[in-house]
Amino acid sequence: MVLVGGICWLLFGSSLFVYGLLFPPVAAATALWVRPADLITAPIGVPIAFAAGVWPISGGSGGFGGQLMGLVSALSLHAGWLYAGTLVAALIALVRKAVLIGRRRLPRRAA
């Protein structure tokens, strides 16, 4: 998401809309690529990645306090994208975990 934030900063003039639009696909890719043993981390790590990536394009000024207020404002104004991406990652992780549990139970039933 930091890379996506940098791309949005360079190509789209720090557009938070474009950043938010790109967040759910990246969240889905994260939930698909994570190891099966770490499935619980996908819905936890995705909001952290959103916050880390929005920092360069949040638009704060005036030192650390201004940057922090810009970050908080961007997170609060674009929480819908954050919730949508987190929900996508959680649903994909949940389905993947259910499939893994089903595969573990299948050999037991056959025996």
PDB file of N, CA and C in Angstrom:
ATOM      1  N   MET A   1       0.825  -1.189   0.000  1.00  0.00           N
ATOM      2  CA  MET A   1       0.000   0.000   0.000  1.00  0.00           C
ATOM      3  C   MET A   1       0.867   1.250   0.000  1.00  0.00           C
ATOM      4  N   VAL A   2       2.055   1.154   0.543  1.00  0.00           N
ATOM      5  CA  VAL A   2       2.963   2.301   0.466  1.00  0.00           C
ATOM      6  C   VAL A   2       3.332   2.563  -0.986  1.00  0.00           C
ATOM      7  N   LEU A   3       3.553   1.495  -1.747  1.00  0.00           N
ATOM      8  CA  LEU A   3       3.840   1.644  -3.179  1.00  0.00           C
ATOM      9  C   LEU A   3       2.634   2.238  -3.912  1.00  0.00           C
ATOM     10  N   VAL A   4       1.435   1.771  -3.587  1.00  0.00           N
ATOM     11  CA  VAL A   4       0.220   2.322  -4.201  1.00  0.00           C
ATOM     12  C   VAL A   4       0.068   3.790  -3.832  1.00  0.00           C
ATOM     13  N   GLY A   5       0.363   4.139  -2.576  1.00  0.00           N
ATOM     14  CA  GLY A   5       0.319   5.545  -2.161  1.00  0.00           C
ATOM     15  C   GLY A   5       1.305   6.398  -2.929  1.00  0.00           C
ATOM     16  N   GLY A   6       2.503   5.869  -3.158  1.00  0.00           N
ATOM     17  CA  GLY A   6       3.495   6.595  -3.944  1.00  0.00           C
ATOM     18  C   GLY A   6       3.071   6.774  -5.390  1.00  0.00           C
ATOM     19  N   ILE A   7       2.471   5.736  -5.952  1.00  0.00           N
ATOM     20  CA  ILE A   7       1.976   5.837  -7.331  1.00  0.00           C
ATOM     21  C   ILE A   7       0.848   6.864  -7.420  1.00  0.00           C
ATOM     22  N   CYS A   8      -0.055   6.849  -6.440  1.00  0.00           N
ATOM     23  CA  CYS A   8      -1.140   7.844  -6.433  1.00  0.00           C
ATOM     24  C   CYS A   8      -0.586   9.254  -6.268  1.00  0.00           C
ATOM     25  N   TRP A   9       0.457   9.394  -5.495  1.00  0.00           N
ATOM     26  CA  TRP A   9       1.077  10.707  -5.291  1.00  0.00           C
ATOM     27  C   TRP A   9       1.724  11.194  -6.587  1.00  0.00           C
ATOM     28  N   LEU A  10       2.417  10.295  -7.302  1.00  0.00           N
ATOM     29  CA  LEU A  10       3.115  10.698  -8.523  1.00  0.00           C
ATOM     30  C   LEU A  10       2.183  10.878  -9.716  1.00  0.00           C
ATOM     31  N   LEU A  11       1.278   9.944  -9.921  1.00  0.00           N
ATOM     32  CA  LEU A  11       0.469   9.951 -11.137  1.00  0.00           C
ATOM     33  C   LEU A  11      -0.863  10.670 -11.010  1.00  0.00           C
ATOM     34  N   PHE A  12      -1.458  10.648  -9.830  1.00  0.00           N
ATOM     35  CA  PHE A  12      -2.810  11.170  -9.679  1.00  0.00           C
ATOM     36  C   PHE A  12      -2.903  12.365  -8.738  1.00  0.00           C
ATOM     37  N   GLY A  13      -1.789  12.981  -8.407  1.00  0.00           N
ATOM     38  CA  GLY A  13      -1.809  14.182  -7.587  1.00  0.00           C
ATOM     39  C   GLY A  13      -2.348  13.959  -6.180  1.00  0.00           C
ATOM     40  N   SER A  14      -1.922  12.894  -5.537  1.00  0.00           N
ATOM     41  CA  SER A  14      -2.337  12.555  -4.170  1.00  0.00           C
ATOM     42  C   SER A  14      -3.839  12.331  -4.044  1.00  0.00           C
ATOM     43  N   SER A  15      -4.423  11.679  -5.010  1.00  0.00           N
ATOM     44  CA  SER A  15      -5.857  11.420  -5.002  1.00  0.00           C
ATOM     45  C   SER A  15      -6.191  10.311  -4.013  1.00  0.00           C
ATOM     46  N   LEU A  16      -6.890  10.669  -2.951  1.00  0.00           N
ATOM     47  CA  LEU A  16      -7.309   9.674  -1.975  1.00  0.00           C
ATOM     48  C   LEU A  16      -8.410   8.770  -2.535  1.00  0.00           C
ATOM     49  N   PHE A  17      -9.155   9.271  -3.497  1.00  0.00           N
ATOM     50  CA  PHE A  17     -10.186   8.443  -4.130  1.00  0.00           C
ATOM     51  C   PHE A  17      -9.552   7.281  -4.892  1.00  0.00           C
ATOM     52  N   VAL A  18      -8.521   7.565  -5.669  1.00  0.00           N
ATOM     53  CA  VAL A  18      -7.841   6.513  -6.425  1.00  0.00           C
ATOM     54  C   VAL A  18      -7.173   5.535  -5.467  1.00  0.00           C
ATOM     55  N   TYR A  19      -6.579   6.056  -4.405  1.00  0.00           N
ATOM     56  CA  TYR A  19      -5.953   5.202  -3.397  1.00  0.00           C
ATOM     57  C   TYR A  19      -6.997   4.273  -2.766  1.00  0.00           C
ATOM     58  N   GLY A  20      -8.138   4.827  -2.406  1.00  0.00           N
ATOM     59  CA  GLY A  20      -9.204   4.007  -1.829  1.00  0.00           C
ATOM     60  C   GLY A  20      -9.754   3.005  -2.817  1.00  0.00           C
ATOM     61  N   LEU A  21      -9.830   3.376  -4.065  1.00  0.00           N
ATOM     62  CA  LEU A  21     -10.334   2.487  -5.105  1.00  0.00           C
ATOM     63  C   LEU A  21      -9.397   1.301  -5.324  1.00  0.00           C
ATOM     64  N   LEU A  22      -8.110   1.522  -5.156  1.00  0.00           N
ATOM     65  CA  LEU A  22      -7.134   0.455  -5.335  1.00  0.00           C
ATOM     66  C   LEU A  22      -6.964  -0.404  -4.090  1.00  0.00           C
ATOM     67  N   PHE A  23      -7.476   0.039  -2.958  1.00  0.00           N
ATOM     68  CA  PHE A  23      -7.281  -0.688  -1.706  1.00  0.00           C
ATOM     69  C   PHE A  23      -7.995  -2.043  -1.657  1.00  0.00           C
ATOM     70  N   PRO A  24      -9.274  -2.176  -1.993  1.00  0.00           N
ATOM     71  CA  PRO A  24      -9.909  -3.510  -1.909  1.00  0.00           C
ATOM     72  C   PRO A  24      -9.245  -4.592  -2.777  1.00  0.00           C
ATOM     73  N   PRO A  25      -8.806  -4.293  -4.008  1.00  0.00           N
ATOM     74  CA  PRO A  25      -8.095  -5.347  -4.744  1.00  0.00           C
ATOM     75  C   PRO A  25      -6.771  -5.757  -4.096  1.00  0.00           C
ATOM     76  N   VAL A  26      -6.061  -4.794  -3.537  1.00  0.00           N
ATOM     77  CA  VAL A  26      -4.811  -5.125  -2.848  1.00  0.00           C
ATOM     78  C   VAL A  26      -5.109  -5.932  -1.588  1.00  0.00           C
ATOM     79  N   ALA A  27      -6.177  -5.594  -0.879  1.00  0.00           N
ATOM     80  CA  ALA A  27      -6.568  -6.360   0.313  1.00  0.00           C
ATOM     81  C   ALA A  27      -6.941  -7.785  -0.073  1.00  0.00           C
ATOM     82  N   ALA A  28      -7.645  -7.950  -1.188  1.00  0.00           N
ATOM     83  CA  ALA A  28      -8.003  -9.288  -1.656  1.00  0.00           C
ATOM     84  C   ALA A  28      -6.753 -10.079  -2.032  1.00  0.00           C
ATOM     85  N   ALA A  29      -5.827  -9.440  -2.713  1.00  0.00           N
ATOM     86  CA  ALA A  29      -4.582 -10.122  -3.077  1.00  0.00           C
ATOM     87  C   ALA A  29      -3.800 -10.530  -1.835  1.00  0.00           C
ATOM     88  N   THR A  30      -3.806  -9.682  -0.829  1.00  0.00           N
ATOM     89  CA  THR A  30      -3.127 -10.012   0.419  1.00  0.00           C
ATOM     90  C   THR A  30      -3.755 -11.238   1.067  1.00  0.00           C
ATOM     91  N   ALA A  31      -5.065 -11.290   1.114  1.00  0.00           N
ATOM     92  CA  ALA A  31      -5.747 -12.427   1.729  1.00  0.00           C
ATOM     93  C   ALA A  31      -5.564 -13.702   0.910  1.00  0.00           C
ATOM     94  N   LEU A  32      -5.371 -13.583  -0.375  1.00  0.00           N
ATOM     95  CA  LEU A  32      -5.148 -14.758  -1.215  1.00  0.00           C
ATOM     96  C   LEU A  32      -3.710 -15.272  -1.135  1.00  0.00           C
ATOM     97  N   TRP A  33      -2.755 -14.374  -0.911  1.00  0.00           N
ATOM     98  CA  TRP A  33      -1.346 -14.753  -0.929  1.00  0.00           C
ATOM     99  C   TRP A  33      -0.793 -15.156   0.426  1.00  0.00           C
ATOM    100  N   VAL A  34      -1.482 -14.857   1.495  1.00  0.00           N
ATOM    101  CA  VAL A  34      -0.942 -15.148   2.821  1.00  0.00           C
ATOM    102  C   VAL A  34      -0.888 -16.660   3.043  1.00  0.00           C
ATOM    103  N   ARG A  35       0.095 -17.102   3.812  1.00  0.00           N
ATOM    104  CA  ARG A  35       0.226 -18.535   4.097  1.00  0.00           C
ATOM    105  C   ARG A  35      -0.985 -19.034   4.865  1.00  0.00           C
ATOM    106  N   PRO A  36      -1.341 -20.294   4.683  1.00  0.00           N
ATOM    107  CA  PRO A  36      -2.499 -20.830   5.409  1.00  0.00           C
ATOM    108  C   PRO A  36      -2.360 -20.733   6.931  1.00  0.00           C
ATOM    109  N   ALA A  37      -1.154 -20.857   7.441  1.00  0.00           N
ATOM    110  CA  ALA A  37      -0.958 -20.765   8.888  1.00  0.00           C
ATOM    111  C   ALA A  37      -1.166 -19.341   9.407  1.00  0.00           C
ATOM    112  N   ASP A  38      -1.071 -18.359   8.534  1.00  0.00           N
ATOM    113  CA  ASP A  38      -1.180 -16.954   8.931  1.00  0.00           C
ATOM    114  C   ASP A  38      -2.458 -16.299   8.436  1.00  0.00           C
ATOM    115  N   LEU A  39      -3.505 -17.049   8.195  1.00  0.00           N
ATOM    116  CA  LEU A  39      -4.734 -16.483   7.645  1.00  0.00           C
ATOM    117  C   LEU A  39      -5.357 -15.424   8.558  1.00  0.00           C
ATOM    118  N   ILE A  40      -5.182 -15.560   9.853  1.00  0.00           N
ATOM    119  CA  ILE A  40      -5.777 -14.596  10.773  1.00  0.00           C
ATOM    120  C   ILE A  40      -5.120 -13.214  10.646  1.00  0.00           C
ATOM    121  N   THR A  41      -3.909 -13.158  10.118  1.00  0.00           N
ATOM    122  CA  THR A  41      -3.212 -11.879  10.025  1.00  0.00           C
ATOM    123  C   THR A  41      -3.675 -11.016   8.860  1.00  0.00           C
ATOM    124  N   ALA A  42      -4.330 -11.606   7.867  1.00  0.00           N
ATOM    125  CA  ALA A  42      -4.761 -10.828   6.700  1.00  0.00           C
ATOM    126  C   ALA A  42      -5.727  -9.709   7.084  1.00  0.00           C
ATOM    127  N   PRO A  43      -6.811  -9.981   7.827  1.00  0.00           N
ATOM    128  CA  PRO A  43      -7.698  -8.878   8.187  1.00  0.00           C
ATOM    129  C   PRO A  43      -7.100  -7.915   9.218  1.00  0.00           C
ATOM    130  N   ILE A  44      -6.032  -8.335   9.885  1.00  0.00           N
ATOM    131  CA  ILE A  44      -5.387  -7.460  10.867  1.00  0.00           C
ATOM    132  C   ILE A  44      -4.354  -6.567  10.194  1.00  0.00           C
ATOM    133  N   GLY A  45      -3.607  -7.121   9.259  1.00  0.00           N
ATOM    134  CA  GLY A  45      -2.547  -6.362   8.602  1.00  0.00           C
ATOM    135  C   GLY A  45      -3.026  -5.386   7.552  1.00  0.00           C
ATOM    136  N   VAL A  46      -4.184  -5.642   6.976  1.00  0.00           N
ATOM    137  CA  VAL A  46      -4.693  -4.801   5.886  1.00  0.00           C
ATOM    138  C   VAL A  46      -4.981  -3.363   6.348  1.00  0.00           C
ATOM    139  N   PRO A  47      -5.652  -3.129   7.477  1.00  0.00           N
ATOM    140  CA  PRO A  47      -5.856  -1.737   7.899  1.00  0.00           C
ATOM    141  C   PRO A  47      -4.554  -1.019   8.258  1.00  0.00           C
ATOM    142  N   ILE A  48      -3.590  -1.769   8.774  1.00  0.00           N
ATOM    143  CA  ILE A  48      -2.288  -1.174   9.068  1.00  0.00           C
ATOM    144  C   ILE A  48      -1.614  -0.737   7.771  1.00  0.00           C
ATOM    145  N   ALA A  49      -1.716  -1.569   6.742  1.00  0.00           N
ATOM    146  CA  ALA A  49      -1.147  -1.218   5.439  1.00  0.00           C
ATOM    147  C   ALA A  49      -1.850   0.000   4.841  1.00  0.00           C
ATOM    148  N   PHE A  50      -3.175   0.100   5.037  1.00  0.00           N
ATOM    149  CA  PHE A  50      -3.910   1.261   4.544  1.00  0.00           C
ATOM    150  C   PHE A  50      -3.375   2.537   5.191  1.00  0.00           C
ATOM    151  N   ALA A  51      -3.196   2.501   6.495  1.00  0.00           N
ATOM    152  CA  ALA A  51      -2.699   3.685   7.210  1.00  0.00           C
ATOM    153  C   ALA A  51      -1.271   4.026   6.790  1.00  0.00           C
ATOM    154  N   ALA A  52      -0.436   3.023   6.597  1.00  0.00           N
ATOM    155  CA  ALA A  52       0.943   3.277   6.192  1.00  0.00           C
ATOM    156  C   ALA A  52       1.007   3.875   4.785  1.00  0.00           C
ATOM    157  N   GLY A  53       0.140   3.418   3.903  1.00  0.00           N
ATOM    158  CA  GLY A  53       0.156   3.919   2.535  1.00  0.00           C
ATOM    159  C   GLY A  53      -0.492   5.268   2.350  1.00  0.00           C
ATOM    160  N   VAL A  54      -1.428   5.610   3.228  1.00  0.00           N
ATOM    161  CA  VAL A  54      -2.110   6.895   3.093  1.00  0.00           C
ATOM    162  C   VAL A  54      -1.264   8.046   3.662  1.00  0.00           C
ATOM    163  N   TRP A  55      -0.252   7.727   4.446  1.00  0.00           N
ATOM    164  CA  TRP A  55       0.581   8.764   5.065  1.00  0.00           C
ATOM    165  C   TRP A  55       1.188   9.724   4.034  1.00  0.00           C
ATOM    166  N   PRO A  56       1.810   9.258   2.937  1.00  0.00           N
ATOM    167  CA  PRO A  56       2.421  10.215   2.008  1.00  0.00           C
ATOM    168  C   PRO A  56       1.416  11.072   1.241  1.00  0.00           C
ATOM    169  N   ILE A  57       0.179  10.645   1.122  1.00  0.00           N
ATOM    170  CA  ILE A  57      -0.786  11.404   0.329  1.00  0.00           C
ATOM    171  C   ILE A  57      -1.866  12.057   1.182  1.00  0.00           C
ATOM    172  N   SER A  58      -1.685  12.045   2.499  1.00  0.00           N
ATOM    173  CA  SER A  58      -2.739  12.557   3.379  1.00  0.00           C
ATOM    174  C   SER A  58      -2.879  14.078   3.323  1.00  0.00           C
ATOM    175  N   GLY A  59      -1.862  14.773   2.904  1.00  0.00           N
ATOM    176  CA  GLY A  59      -1.998  16.207   2.713  1.00  0.00           C
ATOM    177  C   GLY A  59      -1.771  17.061   3.935  1.00  0.00           C
ATOM    178  N   GLY A  60      -1.185  16.528   4.963  1.00  0.00           N
ATOM    179  CA  GLY A  60      -0.894  17.338   6.146  1.00  0.00           C
ATOM    180  C   GLY A  60       0.297  18.253   5.918  1.00  0.00           C
ATOM    181  N   SER A  61       0.374  19.319   6.688  1.00  0.00           N
ATOM    182  CA  SER A  61       1.500  20.239   6.571  1.00  0.00           C
ATOM    183  C   SER A  61       1.809  20.819   7.943  1.00  0.00           C
ATOM    184  N   GLY A  62       2.940  21.459   8.062  1.00  0.00           N
ATOM    185  CA  GLY A  62       3.276  22.134   9.300  1.00  0.00           C
ATOM    186  C   GLY A  62       3.931  21.246  10.334  1.00  0.00           C
ATOM    187  N   GLY A  63       4.827  20.359   9.917  1.00  0.00           N
ATOM    188  CA  GLY A  63       5.547  19.530  10.861  1.00  0.00           C
ATOM    189  C   GLY A  63       4.833  18.239  11.178  1.00  0.00           C
ATOM    190  N   PHE A  64       5.316  17.589  12.240  1.00  0.00           N
ATOM    191  CA  PHE A  64       4.788  16.281  12.606  1.00  0.00           C
ATOM    192  C   PHE A  64       3.321  16.339  13.008  1.00  0.00           C
ATOM    193  N   GLY A  65       2.930  17.349  13.775  1.00  0.00           N
ATOM    194  CA  GLY A  65       1.536  17.493  14.196  1.00  0.00           C
ATOM    195  C   GLY A  65       0.597  17.672  13.014  1.00  0.00           C
ATOM    196  N   GLY A  66       1.009  18.460  12.044  1.00  0.00           N
ATOM    197  CA  GLY A  66       0.196  18.671  10.856  1.00  0.00           C
ATOM    198  C   GLY A  66       0.081  17.405  10.020  1.00  0.00           C
ATOM    199  N   GLN A  67       1.178  16.675   9.900  1.00  0.00           N
ATOM    200  CA  GLN A  67       1.145  15.409   9.167  1.00  0.00           C
ATOM    201  C   GLN A  67       0.243  14.395   9.870  1.00  0.00           C
ATOM    202  N   LEU A  68       0.321  14.360  11.183  1.00  0.00           N
ATOM    203  CA  LEU A  68      -0.515  13.440  11.948  1.00  0.00           C
ATOM    204  C   LEU A  68      -1.997  13.796  11.813  1.00  0.00           C
ATOM    205  N   MET A  69      -2.314  15.064  11.839  1.00  0.00           N
ATOM    206  CA  MET A  69      -3.709  15.483  11.665  1.00  0.00           C
ATOM    207  C   MET A  69      -4.199  15.194  10.254  1.00  0.00           C
ATOM    208  N   GLY A  70      -3.337  15.350   9.263  1.00  0.00           N
ATOM    209  CA  GLY A  70      -3.701  14.991   7.894  1.00  0.00           C
ATOM    210  C   GLY A  70      -3.980  13.505   7.771  1.00  0.00           C
ATOM    211  N   LEU A  71      -3.173  12.690   8.451  1.00  0.00           N
ATOM    212  CA  LEU A  71      -3.378  11.245   8.433  1.00  0.00           C
ATOM    213  C   LEU A  71      -4.693  10.869   9.101  1.00  0.00           C
ATOM    214  N   VAL A  72      -4.968  11.443  10.253  1.00  0.00           N
ATOM    215  CA  VAL A  72      -6.214  11.150  10.966  1.00  0.00           C
ATOM    216  C   VAL A  72      -7.417  11.606  10.144  1.00  0.00           C
ATOM    217  N   SER A  73      -7.315  12.755   9.525  1.00  0.00           N
ATOM    218  CA  SER A  73      -8.409  13.237   8.676  1.00  0.00           C
ATOM    219  C   SER A  73      -8.639  12.328   7.480  1.00  0.00           C
ATOM    220  N   ALA A  74      -7.559  11.902   6.833  1.00  0.00           N
ATOM    221  CA  ALA A  74      -7.699  11.011   5.677  1.00  0.00           C
ATOM    222  C   ALA A  74      -8.304   9.677   6.097  1.00  0.00           C
ATOM    223  N   LEU A  75      -7.882   9.157   7.243  1.00  0.00           N
ATOM    224  CA  LEU A  75      -8.446   7.889   7.716  1.00  0.00           C
ATOM    225  C   LEU A  75      -9.920   8.021   8.056  1.00  0.00           C
ATOM    226  N   SER A  76     -10.298   9.128   8.648  1.00  0.00           N
ATOM    227  CA  SER A  76     -11.706   9.280   9.036  1.00  0.00           C
ATOM    228  C   SER A  76     -12.602   9.575   7.824  1.00  0.00           C
ATOM    229  N   LEU A  77     -12.110  10.330   6.867  1.00  0.00           N
ATOM    230  CA  LEU A  77     -12.930  10.666   5.708  1.00  0.00           C
ATOM    231  C   LEU A  77     -13.045   9.527   4.700  1.00  0.00           C
ATOM    232  N   HIS A  78     -12.096   8.627   4.725  1.00  0.00           N
ATOM    233  CA  HIS A  78     -12.094   7.519   3.765  1.00  0.00           C
ATOM    234  C   HIS A  78     -12.193   6.177   4.479  1.00  0.00           C
ATOM    235  N   ALA A  79     -12.917   6.167   5.582  1.00  0.00           N
ATOM    236  CA  ALA A  79     -13.088   4.937   6.354  1.00  0.00           C
ATOM    237  C   ALA A  79     -13.895   3.898   5.591  1.00  0.00           C
ATOM    238  N   GLY A  80     -14.744   4.317   4.690  1.00  0.00           N
ATOM    239  CA  GLY A  80     -15.522   3.364   3.897  1.00  0.00           C
ATOM    240  C   GLY A  80     -14.638   2.440   3.087  1.00  0.00           C
ATOM    241  N   TRP A  81     -13.606   3.011   2.461  1.00  0.00           N
ATOM    242  CA  TRP A  81     -12.657   2.179   1.709  1.00  0.00           C
ATOM    243  C   TRP A  81     -11.923   1.236   2.649  1.00  0.00           C
ATOM    244  N   LEU A  82     -11.549   1.747   3.809  1.00  0.00           N
ATOM    245  CA  LEU A  82     -10.838   0.936   4.799  1.00  0.00           C
ATOM    246  C   LEU A  82     -11.696  -0.231   5.251  1.00  0.00           C
ATOM    247  N   TYR A  83     -12.959   0.036   5.557  1.00  0.00           N
ATOM    248  CA  TYR A  83     -13.870  -1.036   5.978  1.00  0.00           C
ATOM    249  C   TYR A  83     -14.121  -2.029   4.852  1.00  0.00           C
ATOM    250  N   ALA A  84     -14.288  -1.537   3.639  1.00  0.00           N
ATOM    251  CA  ALA A  84     -14.549  -2.423   2.506  1.00  0.00           C
ATOM    252  C   ALA A  84     -13.371  -3.364   2.254  1.00  0.00           C
ATOM    253  N   GLY A  85     -12.174  -2.838   2.252  1.00  0.00           N
ATOM    254  CA  GLY A  85     -10.996  -3.672   2.034  1.00  0.00           C
ATOM    255  C   GLY A  85     -10.774  -4.667   3.154  1.00  0.00           C
ATOM    256  N   THR A  86     -11.019  -4.235   4.389  1.00  0.00           N
ATOM    257  CA  THR A  86     -10.875  -5.138   5.519  1.00  0.00           C
ATOM    258  C   THR A  86     -11.922  -6.247   5.459  1.00  0.00           C
ATOM    259  N   LEU A  87     -13.138  -5.904   5.078  1.00  0.00           N
ATOM    260  CA  LEU A  87     -14.193  -6.906   4.934  1.00  0.00           C
ATOM    261  C   LEU A  87     -13.859  -7.907   3.834  1.00  0.00           C
ATOM    262  N   VAL A  88     -13.335  -7.432   2.724  1.00  0.00           N
ATOM    263  CA  VAL A  88     -12.936  -8.322   1.630  1.00  0.00           C
ATOM    264  C   VAL A  88     -11.857  -9.292   2.105  1.00  0.00           C
ATOM    265  N   ALA A  89     -10.847  -8.765   2.794  1.00  0.00           N
ATOM    266  CA  ALA A  89      -9.772  -9.623   3.292  1.00  0.00           C
ATOM    267  C   ALA A  89     -10.292 -10.620   4.318  1.00  0.00           C
ATOM    268  N   ALA A  90     -11.177 -10.193   5.199  1.00  0.00           N
ATOM    269  CA  ALA A  90     -11.724 -11.084   6.223  1.00  0.00           C
ATOM    270  C   ALA A  90     -12.571 -12.191   5.589  1.00  0.00           C
ATOM    271  N   LEU A  91     -13.385 -11.851   4.601  1.00  0.00           N
ATOM    272  CA  LEU A  91     -14.217 -12.859   3.948  1.00  0.00           C
ATOM    273  C   LEU A  91     -13.380 -13.886   3.189  1.00  0.00           C
ATOM    274  N   ILE A  92     -12.367 -13.426   2.494  1.00  0.00           N
ATOM    275  CA  ILE A  92     -11.498 -14.345   1.762  1.00  0.00           C
ATOM    276  C   ILE A  92     -10.741 -15.245   2.732  1.00  0.00           C
ATOM    277  N   ALA A  93     -10.236 -14.672   3.825  1.00  0.00           N
ATOM    278  CA  ALA A  93      -9.530 -15.478   4.820  1.00  0.00           C
ATOM    279  C   ALA A  93     -10.471 -16.488   5.472  1.00  0.00           C
ATOM    280  N   LEU A  94     -11.704 -16.086   5.729  1.00  0.00           N
ATOM    281  CA  LEU A  94     -12.687 -16.990   6.329  1.00  0.00           C
ATOM    282  C   LEU A  94     -13.010 -18.158   5.391  1.00  0.00           C
ATOM    283  N   VAL A  95     -13.211 -17.869   4.129  1.00  0.00           N
ATOM    284  CA  VAL A  95     -13.501 -18.924   3.153  1.00  0.00           C
ATOM    285  C   VAL A  95     -12.301 -19.855   3.004  1.00  0.00           C
ATOM    286  N   ARG A  96     -11.117 -19.289   2.935  1.00  0.00           N
ATOM    287  CA  ARG A  96      -9.918 -20.133   2.822  1.00  0.00           C
ATOM    288  C   ARG A  96      -9.757 -21.026   4.042  1.00  0.00           C
ATOM    289  N   LYS A  97     -10.020 -20.493   5.224  1.00  0.00           N
ATOM    290  CA  LYS A  97      -9.908 -21.293   6.449  1.00  0.00           C
ATOM    291  C   LYS A  97     -10.955 -22.400   6.465  1.00  0.00           C
ATOM    292  N   ALA A  98     -12.174 -22.110   6.033  1.00  0.00           N
ATOM    293  CA  ALA A  98     -13.225 -23.124   5.979  1.00  0.00           C
ATOM    294  C   ALA A  98     -12.849 -24.240   5.006  1.00  0.00           C
ATOM    295  N   VAL A  99     -12.270 -23.896   3.878  1.00  0.00           N
ATOM    296  CA  VAL A  99     -11.840 -24.903   2.911  1.00  0.00           C
ATOM    297  C   VAL A  99     -10.727 -25.770   3.500  1.00  0.00           C
ATOM    298  N   LEU A 100      -9.793 -25.149   4.209  1.00  0.00           N
ATOM    299  CA  LEU A 100      -8.715 -25.915   4.839  1.00  0.00           C
ATOM    300  C   LEU A 100      -9.258 -26.876   5.888  1.00  0.00           C
ATOM    301  N   ILE A 101     -10.203 -26.430   6.688  1.00  0.00           N
ATOM    302  CA  ILE A 101     -10.804 -27.300   7.701  1.00  0.00           C
ATOM    303  C   ILE A 101     -11.569 -28.426   7.031  1.00  0.00           C
ATOM    304  N   GLY A 102     -12.278 -28.130   5.967  1.00  0.00           N
ATOM    305  CA  GLY A 102     -12.999 -29.164   5.223  1.00  0.00           C
ATOM    306  C   GLY A 102     -12.069 -30.207   4.634  1.00  0.00           C
ATOM    307  N   ARG A 103     -10.924 -29.787   4.157  1.00  0.00           N
ATOM    308  CA  ARG A 103      -9.957 -30.730   3.596  1.00  0.00           C
ATOM    309  C   ARG A 103      -9.361 -31.624   4.683  1.00  0.00           C
ATOM    310  N   ARG A 104      -9.180 -31.076   5.883  1.00  0.00           N
ATOM    311  CA  ARG A 104      -8.650 -31.880   6.992  1.00  0.00           C
ATOM    312  C   ARG A 104      -9.660 -32.933   7.441  1.00  0.00           C
ATOM    313  N   ARG A 105     -10.934 -32.608   7.417  1.00  0.00           N
ATOM    314  CA  ARG A 105     -11.964 -33.529   7.871  1.00  0.00           C
ATOM    315  C   ARG A 105     -12.295 -34.589   6.822  1.00  0.00           C
ATOM    316  N   LEU A 106     -12.047 -34.321   5.575  1.00  0.00           N
ATOM    317  CA  LEU A 106     -12.378 -35.245   4.495  1.00  0.00           C
ATOM    318  C   LEU A 106     -11.658 -36.592   4.623  1.00  0.00           C
ATOM    319  N   PRO A 107     -10.365 -36.661   4.862  1.00  0.00           N
ATOM    320  CA  PRO A 107      -9.713 -37.969   5.011  1.00  0.00           C
ATOM    321  C   PRO A 107     -10.219 -38.742   6.243  1.00  0.00           C
ATOM    322  N   ARG A 108     -10.599 -38.067   7.292  1.00  0.00           N
ATOM    323  CA  ARG A 108     -11.113 -38.746   8.473  1.00  0.00           C
ATOM    324  C   ARG A 108     -12.441 -39.446   8.162  1.00  0.00           C
ATOM    325  N   ARG A 109     -13.292 -38.803   7.389  1.00  0.00           N
ATOM    326  CA  ARG A 109     -14.577 -39.402   7.054  1.00  0.00           C
ATOM    327  C   ARG A 109     -14.410 -40.586   6.119  1.00  0.00           C
ATOM    328  N   ALA A 110     -13.419 -40.522   5.223  1.00  0.00           N
ATOM    329  CA  ALA A 110     -13.184 -41.617   4.285  1.00  0.00           C
ATOM    330  C   ALA A 110     -12.654 -42.857   5.000  1.00  0.00           C
ATOM    331  N   ALA A 111     -11.942 -42.657   6.082  1.00  0.00           N
ATOM    332  CA  ALA A 111     -11.384 -43.787   6.824  1.00  0.00           C
ATOM    333  C   ALA A 111     -12.441 -44.401   7.676  1.00  0.00           C
TER     334      ALA A 111
END
